[in-house]
Amino acid sequence: MKIGTLWYIYNANRTLMLHRVKKENDMHKDKWNGLGGKLIPGETPEECVIREVKEESGLFIKNPHLKGIITFPKFDDIDDWLVFVYVANSYTGQLLKECNEGILQWINNDDLFELNLWAGDKIFMKWLKNKPFFSAKFHYLNNKYVKHSVVFY
């Protein structure tokens, strides 16, 4: 199982998103995602999200807030993924315009769901602001959303 983090930062009525347009053979090619990445050995999910956000955006997030955990069985048709999902409203630093994975952009919250997001992201991103902590499982087959289950705490 691969373990990773996913992070969404809010700035007033906008959310920072990454348009994945740079990496070769990227299963997320042309999708819009939050920032994040895989844990390295010995790292906590909080350390991972802070490190990944700094590397990808130039921003240092303060007080990341864990909103949920998502399991993606065989998401890449090979490995199961376990992803810790965070939000933050506070940060320091200067935003980079792009990183090695794509272009960073502040998106108006009213326009978020018009982006080319994964189908499951359109579901769980709505939980991030008003719902309690969640544990979910999202099933995909051949990069297509199949179903999900969720428990709110």
N, C-alpha and C. Protein backbone atom coordinates (compact mmCIF):
# COMPACT_ATOMS: atom_id res chain seq x y z
N MET A 1 0.84 -1.17 0.00
CA MET A 1 0.00 0.00 0.00
C MET A 1 0.89 1.24 0.00
N LYS A 2 0.54 2.19 -0.84
CA LYS A 2 1.24 3.48 -0.86
C LYS A 2 0.48 4.43 0.05
N ILE A 3 1.24 5.24 0.79
CA ILE A 3 0.65 6.19 1.72
C ILE A 3 1.02 7.59 1.29
N GLY A 4 0.01 8.46 1.23
CA GLY A 4 0.26 9.81 0.77
C GLY A 4 -0.60 10.83 1.49
N THR A 5 -0.40 12.08 1.09
CA THR A 5 -1.18 13.19 1.62
C THR A 5 -1.76 13.99 0.46
N LEU A 6 -2.82 14.69 0.76
CA LEU A 6 -3.46 15.58 -0.19
C LEU A 6 -3.87 16.81 0.59
N TRP A 7 -3.65 17.98 0.04
CA TRP A 7 -3.83 19.20 0.78
C TRP A 7 -4.54 20.24 -0.06
N TYR A 8 -5.46 20.96 0.57
CA TYR A 8 -6.16 22.08 -0.07
C TYR A 8 -5.99 23.30 0.82
N ILE A 9 -5.50 24.40 0.23
CA ILE A 9 -5.38 25.64 0.99
C ILE A 9 -6.40 26.63 0.45
N TYR A 10 -7.03 27.32 1.38
CA TYR A 10 -8.05 28.29 1.04
C TYR A 10 -7.52 29.69 1.31
N ASN A 11 -7.85 30.60 0.42
CA ASN A 11 -7.50 32.00 0.56
C ASN A 11 -8.76 32.78 0.19
N ALA A 12 -9.49 33.22 1.21
CA ALA A 12 -10.79 33.89 1.02
C ALA A 12 -11.72 32.93 0.28
N ASN A 13 -12.14 33.27 -0.91
CA ASN A 13 -13.08 32.42 -1.65
C ASN A 13 -12.38 31.65 -2.77
N ARG A 14 -11.09 31.38 -2.59
CA ARG A 14 -10.32 30.66 -3.61
C ARG A 14 -9.60 29.46 -2.99
N THR A 15 -9.29 28.48 -3.86
CA THR A 15 -8.56 27.28 -3.45
C THR A 15 -7.36 27.14 -4.38
N LEU A 16 -6.19 26.84 -3.81
CA LEU A 16 -5.00 26.63 -4.62
C LEU A 16 -5.07 25.23 -5.24
N MET A 17 -4.91 25.18 -6.57
CA MET A 17 -4.98 23.91 -7.29
C MET A 17 -3.76 23.77 -8.19
N LEU A 18 -3.45 22.53 -8.53
CA LEU A 18 -2.33 22.19 -9.40
C LEU A 18 -2.87 21.55 -10.67
N HIS A 19 -2.58 22.16 -11.81
CA HIS A 19 -2.97 21.58 -13.10
C HIS A 19 -1.81 20.69 -13.57
N ARG A 20 -2.04 19.38 -13.58
CA ARG A 20 -0.99 18.40 -13.84
C ARG A 20 -0.75 18.28 -15.35
N VAL A 21 0.20 19.03 -15.85
CA VAL A 21 0.45 19.07 -17.30
C VAL A 21 1.91 18.82 -17.68
N LYS A 22 2.79 18.52 -16.72
CA LYS A 22 4.22 18.47 -17.03
C LYS A 22 4.87 17.09 -17.07
N LYS A 23 4.45 16.18 -16.20
CA LYS A 23 5.16 14.91 -16.07
C LYS A 23 4.77 13.93 -17.18
N GLU A 24 5.76 13.23 -17.68
CA GLU A 24 5.53 12.17 -18.66
C GLU A 24 4.84 10.99 -17.95
N ASN A 25 3.97 10.30 -18.65
CA ASN A 25 3.29 9.11 -18.14
C ASN A 25 2.62 9.36 -16.78
N ASP A 26 2.02 10.51 -16.61
CA ASP A 26 1.36 10.88 -15.37
C ASP A 26 -0.09 10.43 -15.42
N MET A 27 -0.51 9.57 -14.50
CA MET A 27 -1.90 9.11 -14.51
C MET A 27 -2.86 10.25 -14.22
N HIS A 28 -2.34 11.36 -13.70
CA HIS A 28 -3.16 12.54 -13.41
C HIS A 28 -3.08 13.58 -14.54
N LYS A 29 -2.48 13.20 -15.67
CA LYS A 29 -2.26 14.14 -16.78
C LYS A 29 -3.53 14.92 -17.10
N ASP A 30 -3.41 16.24 -17.18
CA ASP A 30 -4.47 17.19 -17.51
C ASP A 30 -5.54 17.34 -16.43
N LYS A 31 -5.41 16.63 -15.31
CA LYS A 31 -6.35 16.79 -14.19
C LYS A 31 -5.89 17.96 -13.30
N TRP A 32 -6.83 18.50 -12.58
CA TRP A 32 -6.56 19.49 -11.54
C TRP A 32 -6.63 18.76 -10.21
N ASN A 33 -5.62 18.95 -9.37
CA ASN A 33 -5.54 18.29 -8.07
C ASN A 33 -5.15 19.28 -6.99
N GLY A 34 -5.39 18.87 -5.74
CA GLY A 34 -4.75 19.55 -4.63
C GLY A 34 -3.28 19.15 -4.63
N LEU A 35 -2.50 19.70 -3.74
CA LEU A 35 -1.08 19.36 -3.66
C LEU A 35 -0.89 18.20 -2.70
N GLY A 36 0.25 17.55 -2.78
CA GLY A 36 0.55 16.47 -1.86
C GLY A 36 1.53 15.50 -2.46
N GLY A 37 1.67 14.36 -1.82
CA GLY A 37 2.60 13.36 -2.32
C GLY A 37 2.75 12.22 -1.33
N LYS A 38 3.74 11.38 -1.60
CA LYS A 38 3.96 10.17 -0.81
C LYS A 38 4.81 10.46 0.42
N LEU A 39 4.50 9.75 1.50
CA LEU A 39 5.33 9.82 2.70
C LEU A 39 6.67 9.16 2.43
N ILE A 40 7.72 9.73 3.01
CA ILE A 40 9.02 9.09 2.96
C ILE A 40 9.21 8.36 4.28
N PRO A 41 10.10 7.34 4.33
CA PRO A 41 10.27 6.55 5.55
C PRO A 41 10.53 7.43 6.78
N GLY A 42 9.82 7.12 7.87
CA GLY A 42 9.99 7.82 9.13
C GLY A 42 9.22 9.12 9.25
N GLU A 43 8.48 9.48 8.21
CA GLU A 43 7.77 10.76 8.18
C GLU A 43 6.33 10.58 8.64
N THR A 44 5.80 11.54 9.39
CA THR A 44 4.39 11.54 9.75
C THR A 44 3.60 12.16 8.59
N PRO A 45 2.29 11.90 8.53
CA PRO A 45 1.50 12.56 7.49
C PRO A 45 1.59 14.09 7.56
N GLU A 46 1.63 14.66 8.78
CA GLU A 46 1.74 16.12 8.91
C GLU A 46 3.07 16.62 8.36
N GLU A 47 4.15 15.90 8.66
CA GLU A 47 5.46 16.29 8.13
C GLU A 47 5.46 16.19 6.61
N CYS A 48 4.82 15.16 6.09
CA CYS A 48 4.75 14.97 4.64
C CYS A 48 4.00 16.10 3.96
N VAL A 49 2.83 16.46 4.49
CA VAL A 49 2.04 17.49 3.83
C VAL A 49 2.77 18.83 3.87
N ILE A 50 3.42 19.15 4.98
CA ILE A 50 4.17 20.41 5.07
C ILE A 50 5.33 20.40 4.09
N ARG A 51 6.08 19.29 4.03
CA ARG A 51 7.22 19.19 3.11
C ARG A 51 6.77 19.27 1.65
N GLU A 52 5.75 18.48 1.29
CA GLU A 52 5.30 18.44 -0.10
C GLU A 52 4.77 19.79 -0.56
N VAL A 53 4.01 20.45 0.29
CA VAL A 53 3.45 21.75 -0.08
C VAL A 53 4.58 22.76 -0.29
N LYS A 54 5.58 22.74 0.59
CA LYS A 54 6.73 23.65 0.45
C LYS A 54 7.46 23.37 -0.86
N GLU A 55 7.70 22.08 -1.15
CA GLU A 55 8.42 21.73 -2.38
C GLU A 55 7.63 22.10 -3.63
N GLU A 56 6.33 21.86 -3.62
CA GLU A 56 5.52 22.06 -4.83
C GLU A 56 5.06 23.50 -5.03
N SER A 57 4.88 24.25 -3.92
CA SER A 57 4.29 25.58 -4.07
C SER A 57 5.15 26.74 -3.57
N GLY A 58 6.16 26.44 -2.76
CA GLY A 58 6.93 27.51 -2.13
C GLY A 58 6.30 28.03 -0.87
N LEU A 59 5.10 27.54 -0.52
CA LEU A 59 4.39 28.01 0.67
C LEU A 59 4.67 27.10 1.85
N PHE A 60 4.70 27.70 3.03
CA PHE A 60 4.83 26.94 4.27
C PHE A 60 3.49 27.05 4.98
N ILE A 61 2.77 25.93 5.07
CA ILE A 61 1.45 25.96 5.70
C ILE A 61 1.59 25.88 7.21
N LYS A 62 0.69 26.60 7.87
CA LYS A 62 0.64 26.59 9.32
C LYS A 62 -0.61 25.83 9.73
N ASN A 63 -0.48 25.02 10.75
CA ASN A 63 -1.62 24.31 11.32
C ASN A 63 -2.46 23.54 10.30
N PRO A 64 -1.86 22.58 9.60
CA PRO A 64 -2.68 21.77 8.70
C PRO A 64 -3.75 21.03 9.51
N HIS A 65 -4.95 21.01 8.98
CA HIS A 65 -6.08 20.41 9.68
C HIS A 65 -6.50 19.14 8.95
N LEU A 66 -6.37 18.00 9.61
CA LEU A 66 -6.74 16.71 9.01
C LEU A 66 -8.26 16.61 8.92
N LYS A 67 -8.77 16.46 7.71
CA LYS A 67 -10.22 16.39 7.49
C LYS A 67 -10.71 14.97 7.22
N GLY A 68 -9.83 14.11 6.70
CA GLY A 68 -10.29 12.77 6.40
C GLY A 68 -9.19 11.87 5.90
N ILE A 69 -9.56 10.61 5.77
CA ILE A 69 -8.66 9.57 5.24
C ILE A 69 -9.42 8.86 4.13
N ILE A 70 -8.73 8.68 3.01
CA ILE A 70 -9.37 8.00 1.87
C ILE A 70 -8.51 6.81 1.44
N THR A 71 -9.17 5.70 1.23
CA THR A 71 -8.53 4.52 0.64
C THR A 71 -8.96 4.43 -0.81
N PHE A 72 -7.98 4.22 -1.69
CA PHE A 72 -8.22 4.04 -3.11
C PHE A 72 -7.69 2.66 -3.50
N PRO A 73 -8.53 1.61 -3.48
CA PRO A 73 -8.06 0.28 -3.86
C PRO A 73 -7.59 0.24 -5.32
N LYS A 74 -6.38 -0.21 -5.52
CA LYS A 74 -5.79 -0.38 -6.86
C LYS A 74 -6.04 0.84 -7.74
N PHE A 75 -5.82 2.03 -7.19
CA PHE A 75 -6.10 3.27 -7.91
C PHE A 75 -5.35 3.35 -9.23
N ASP A 76 -4.10 2.93 -9.23
CA ASP A 76 -3.30 2.93 -10.46
C ASP A 76 -3.32 1.56 -11.13
N ASP A 77 -4.33 0.76 -10.80
CA ASP A 77 -4.50 -0.61 -11.27
C ASP A 77 -3.44 -1.57 -10.73
N ILE A 78 -2.60 -1.09 -9.81
CA ILE A 78 -1.56 -1.93 -9.21
C ILE A 78 -1.63 -1.88 -7.68
N ASP A 79 -1.48 -0.67 -7.14
CA ASP A 79 -1.36 -0.50 -5.69
C ASP A 79 -2.61 0.13 -5.08
N ASP A 80 -2.86 -0.25 -3.82
CA ASP A 80 -3.83 0.47 -3.01
C ASP A 80 -3.14 1.73 -2.49
N TRP A 81 -3.91 2.78 -2.35
CA TRP A 81 -3.41 4.03 -1.80
C TRP A 81 -4.20 4.37 -0.54
N LEU A 82 -3.52 4.90 0.46
CA LEU A 82 -4.14 5.45 1.66
C LEU A 82 -3.71 6.91 1.70
N VAL A 83 -4.70 7.83 1.69
CA VAL A 83 -4.38 9.25 1.56
C VAL A 83 -4.99 10.02 2.73
N PHE A 84 -4.16 10.82 3.40
CA PHE A 84 -4.59 11.71 4.47
C PHE A 84 -4.91 13.06 3.82
N VAL A 85 -6.13 13.55 4.03
CA VAL A 85 -6.59 14.77 3.37
C VAL A 85 -6.61 15.92 4.37
N TYR A 86 -5.91 17.00 4.03
CA TYR A 86 -5.76 18.16 4.89
C TYR A 86 -6.30 19.42 4.23
N VAL A 87 -6.66 20.39 5.08
CA VAL A 87 -6.95 21.74 4.62
C VAL A 87 -6.15 22.71 5.49
N ALA A 88 -5.95 23.90 4.95
CA ALA A 88 -5.26 24.95 5.70
C ALA A 88 -5.76 26.30 5.20
N ASN A 89 -5.78 27.25 6.11
CA ASN A 89 -6.16 28.62 5.77
C ASN A 89 -5.02 29.60 5.99
N SER A 90 -3.94 29.13 6.58
CA SER A 90 -2.85 30.01 6.96
C SER A 90 -1.53 29.50 6.39
N TYR A 91 -0.77 30.41 5.83
CA TYR A 91 0.50 30.05 5.22
C TYR A 91 1.40 31.27 5.14
N THR A 92 2.69 31.02 4.90
CA THR A 92 3.65 32.09 4.64
C THR A 92 4.41 31.70 3.37
N GLY A 93 5.15 32.65 2.84
CA GLY A 93 5.97 32.39 1.67
C GLY A 93 5.36 32.96 0.40
N GLN A 94 6.12 32.83 -0.67
CA GLN A 94 5.71 33.30 -1.99
C GLN A 94 5.32 32.11 -2.85
N LEU A 95 4.15 32.20 -3.46
CA LEU A 95 3.67 31.13 -4.31
C LEU A 95 4.48 31.05 -5.60
N LEU A 96 4.97 29.85 -5.90
CA LEU A 96 5.61 29.61 -7.18
C LEU A 96 4.54 29.60 -8.26
N LYS A 97 4.88 29.95 -9.49
CA LYS A 97 3.90 29.91 -10.58
C LYS A 97 3.69 28.49 -11.09
N GLU A 98 4.73 27.70 -11.00
CA GLU A 98 4.62 26.31 -11.45
C GLU A 98 5.64 25.47 -10.72
N CYS A 99 5.45 24.15 -10.81
CA CYS A 99 6.39 23.21 -10.21
C CYS A 99 6.67 22.13 -11.25
N ASN A 100 7.42 21.09 -10.86
CA ASN A 100 7.80 20.06 -11.82
C ASN A 100 6.62 19.20 -12.27
N GLU A 101 5.45 19.35 -11.63
CA GLU A 101 4.28 18.56 -12.00
C GLU A 101 3.26 19.36 -12.81
N GLY A 102 3.33 20.69 -12.72
CA GLY A 102 2.34 21.47 -13.46
C GLY A 102 2.29 22.92 -13.02
N ILE A 103 1.14 23.53 -13.27
CA ILE A 103 0.93 24.95 -13.04
C ILE A 103 0.02 25.13 -11.83
N LEU A 104 0.44 26.02 -10.94
CA LEU A 104 -0.33 26.33 -9.73
C LEU A 104 -1.23 27.53 -10.00
N GLN A 105 -2.47 27.45 -9.51
CA GLN A 105 -3.38 28.56 -9.75
C GLN A 105 -4.43 28.63 -8.65
N TRP A 106 -4.72 29.86 -8.21
CA TRP A 106 -5.82 30.08 -7.29
C TRP A 106 -7.10 30.04 -8.10
N ILE A 107 -8.03 29.18 -7.71
CA ILE A 107 -9.29 29.00 -8.42
C ILE A 107 -10.43 29.49 -7.53
N ASN A 108 -11.31 30.30 -8.10
CA ASN A 108 -12.50 30.74 -7.38
C ASN A 108 -13.30 29.51 -6.99
N ASN A 109 -13.74 29.44 -5.74
CA ASN A 109 -14.48 28.27 -5.27
C ASN A 109 -15.73 27.98 -6.09
N ASP A 110 -16.35 29.02 -6.64
CA ASP A 110 -17.54 28.81 -7.48
C ASP A 110 -17.20 28.10 -8.78
N ASP A 111 -15.93 28.11 -9.18
CA ASP A 111 -15.50 27.51 -10.44
C ASP A 111 -14.80 26.16 -10.29
N LEU A 112 -14.56 25.73 -9.04
CA LEU A 112 -13.78 24.51 -8.79
C LEU A 112 -14.32 23.29 -9.52
N PHE A 113 -15.62 23.09 -9.47
CA PHE A 113 -16.18 21.86 -9.99
C PHE A 113 -16.40 21.88 -11.50
N GLU A 114 -15.98 22.97 -12.13
CA GLU A 114 -15.97 23.05 -13.60
C GLU A 114 -14.63 22.56 -14.15
N LEU A 115 -13.64 22.40 -13.27
CA LEU A 115 -12.31 21.94 -13.68
C LEU A 115 -12.35 20.45 -14.02
N ASN A 116 -11.32 20.00 -14.70
CA ASN A 116 -11.16 18.58 -15.01
C ASN A 116 -10.59 17.87 -13.78
N LEU A 117 -11.50 17.56 -12.84
CA LEU A 117 -11.15 16.86 -11.60
C LEU A 117 -11.47 15.38 -11.74
N TRP A 118 -10.84 14.56 -10.91
CA TRP A 118 -11.27 13.18 -10.78
C TRP A 118 -12.72 13.20 -10.27
N ALA A 119 -13.52 12.26 -10.71
CA ALA A 119 -14.93 12.20 -10.29
C ALA A 119 -15.07 12.11 -8.78
N GLY A 120 -14.22 11.33 -8.13
CA GLY A 120 -14.27 11.21 -6.68
C GLY A 120 -13.91 12.50 -5.96
N ASP A 121 -12.99 13.28 -6.55
CA ASP A 121 -12.62 14.56 -5.95
C ASP A 121 -13.83 15.49 -5.89
N LYS A 122 -14.66 15.44 -6.90
CA LYS A 122 -15.87 16.29 -6.92
C LYS A 122 -16.81 15.92 -5.78
N ILE A 123 -16.70 14.70 -5.30
CA ILE A 123 -17.52 14.26 -4.16
C ILE A 123 -16.88 14.68 -2.85
N PHE A 124 -15.63 14.25 -2.59
CA PHE A 124 -15.06 14.48 -1.26
C PHE A 124 -14.65 15.93 -1.03
N MET A 125 -14.37 16.69 -2.08
CA MET A 125 -14.00 18.09 -1.87
C MET A 125 -15.15 18.88 -1.25
N LYS A 126 -16.37 18.44 -1.48
CA LYS A 126 -17.53 19.11 -0.89
C LYS A 126 -17.62 18.84 0.62
N TRP A 127 -16.96 17.81 1.09
CA TRP A 127 -16.97 17.47 2.51
C TRP A 127 -15.97 18.29 3.32
N LEU A 128 -15.03 18.92 2.66
CA LEU A 128 -13.90 19.51 3.36
C LEU A 128 -14.24 20.73 4.21
N LYS A 129 -15.28 21.46 3.87
CA LYS A 129 -15.60 22.68 4.61
C LYS A 129 -16.64 22.49 5.70
N ASN A 130 -17.65 21.69 5.45
CA ASN A 130 -18.78 21.67 6.37
C ASN A 130 -19.03 20.33 7.05
N LYS A 131 -18.36 19.30 6.67
CA LYS A 131 -18.61 17.97 7.23
C LYS A 131 -17.59 17.67 8.32
N PRO A 132 -17.95 16.75 9.23
CA PRO A 132 -16.97 16.31 10.23
C PRO A 132 -15.91 15.41 9.58
N PHE A 133 -15.01 14.94 10.39
CA PHE A 133 -13.96 14.03 9.92
C PHE A 133 -14.59 12.85 9.20
N PHE A 134 -13.94 12.39 8.13
CA PHE A 134 -14.48 11.27 7.37
C PHE A 134 -13.42 10.22 7.08
N SER A 135 -13.90 9.01 6.88
CA SER A 135 -13.09 7.90 6.38
C SER A 135 -13.86 7.34 5.19
N ALA A 136 -13.21 7.33 4.03
CA ALA A 136 -13.91 6.95 2.80
C ALA A 136 -13.08 5.97 1.99
N LYS A 137 -13.78 5.32 1.09
CA LYS A 137 -13.14 4.43 0.12
C LYS A 137 -13.72 4.77 -1.25
N PHE A 138 -12.84 5.05 -2.20
CA PHE A 138 -13.26 5.37 -3.56
C PHE A 138 -12.70 4.31 -4.51
N HIS A 139 -13.59 3.70 -5.24
CA HIS A 139 -13.21 2.66 -6.20
C HIS A 139 -13.18 3.23 -7.61
N TYR A 140 -12.09 2.97 -8.31
CA TYR A 140 -11.94 3.32 -9.72
C TYR A 140 -11.57 2.05 -10.47
N LEU A 141 -11.97 1.97 -11.73
CA LEU A 141 -11.58 0.88 -12.61
C LEU A 141 -11.22 1.49 -13.95
N ASN A 142 -9.99 1.26 -14.38
CA ASN A 142 -9.49 1.85 -15.63
C ASN A 142 -9.67 3.37 -15.63
N ASN A 143 -9.29 4.00 -14.54
CA ASN A 143 -9.35 5.45 -14.36
C ASN A 143 -10.76 6.02 -14.36
N LYS A 144 -11.76 5.19 -14.17
CA LYS A 144 -13.16 5.63 -14.13
C LYS A 144 -13.73 5.36 -12.74
N TYR A 145 -14.42 6.36 -12.21
CA TYR A 145 -15.07 6.24 -10.91
C TYR A 145 -16.14 5.15 -10.98
N VAL A 146 -16.17 4.29 -9.96
CA VAL A 146 -17.15 3.21 -9.89
C VAL A 146 -18.13 3.47 -8.74
N LYS A 147 -17.59 3.64 -7.52
CA LYS A 147 -18.45 3.85 -6.35
C LYS A 147 -17.59 4.32 -5.19
N HIS A 148 -18.27 4.73 -4.12
CA HIS A 148 -17.56 5.08 -2.90
C HIS A 148 -18.44 4.76 -1.69
N SER A 149 -17.79 4.69 -0.55
CA SER A 149 -18.47 4.56 0.73
C SER A 149 -17.78 5.52 1.69
N VAL A 150 -18.53 5.97 2.70
CA VAL A 150 -17.97 6.94 3.64
C VAL A 150 -18.64 6.81 5.00
N VAL A 151 -17.83 7.09 6.03
CA VAL A 151 -18.32 7.19 7.39
C VAL A 151 -17.86 8.55 7.91
N PHE A 152 -18.80 9.33 8.49
CA PHE A 152 -18.48 10.61 9.10
C PHE A 152 -18.43 10.45 10.60
N TYR A 153 -17.46 11.10 11.25
CA TYR A 153 -17.30 10.99 12.70
C TYR A 153 -17.58 12.33 13.37
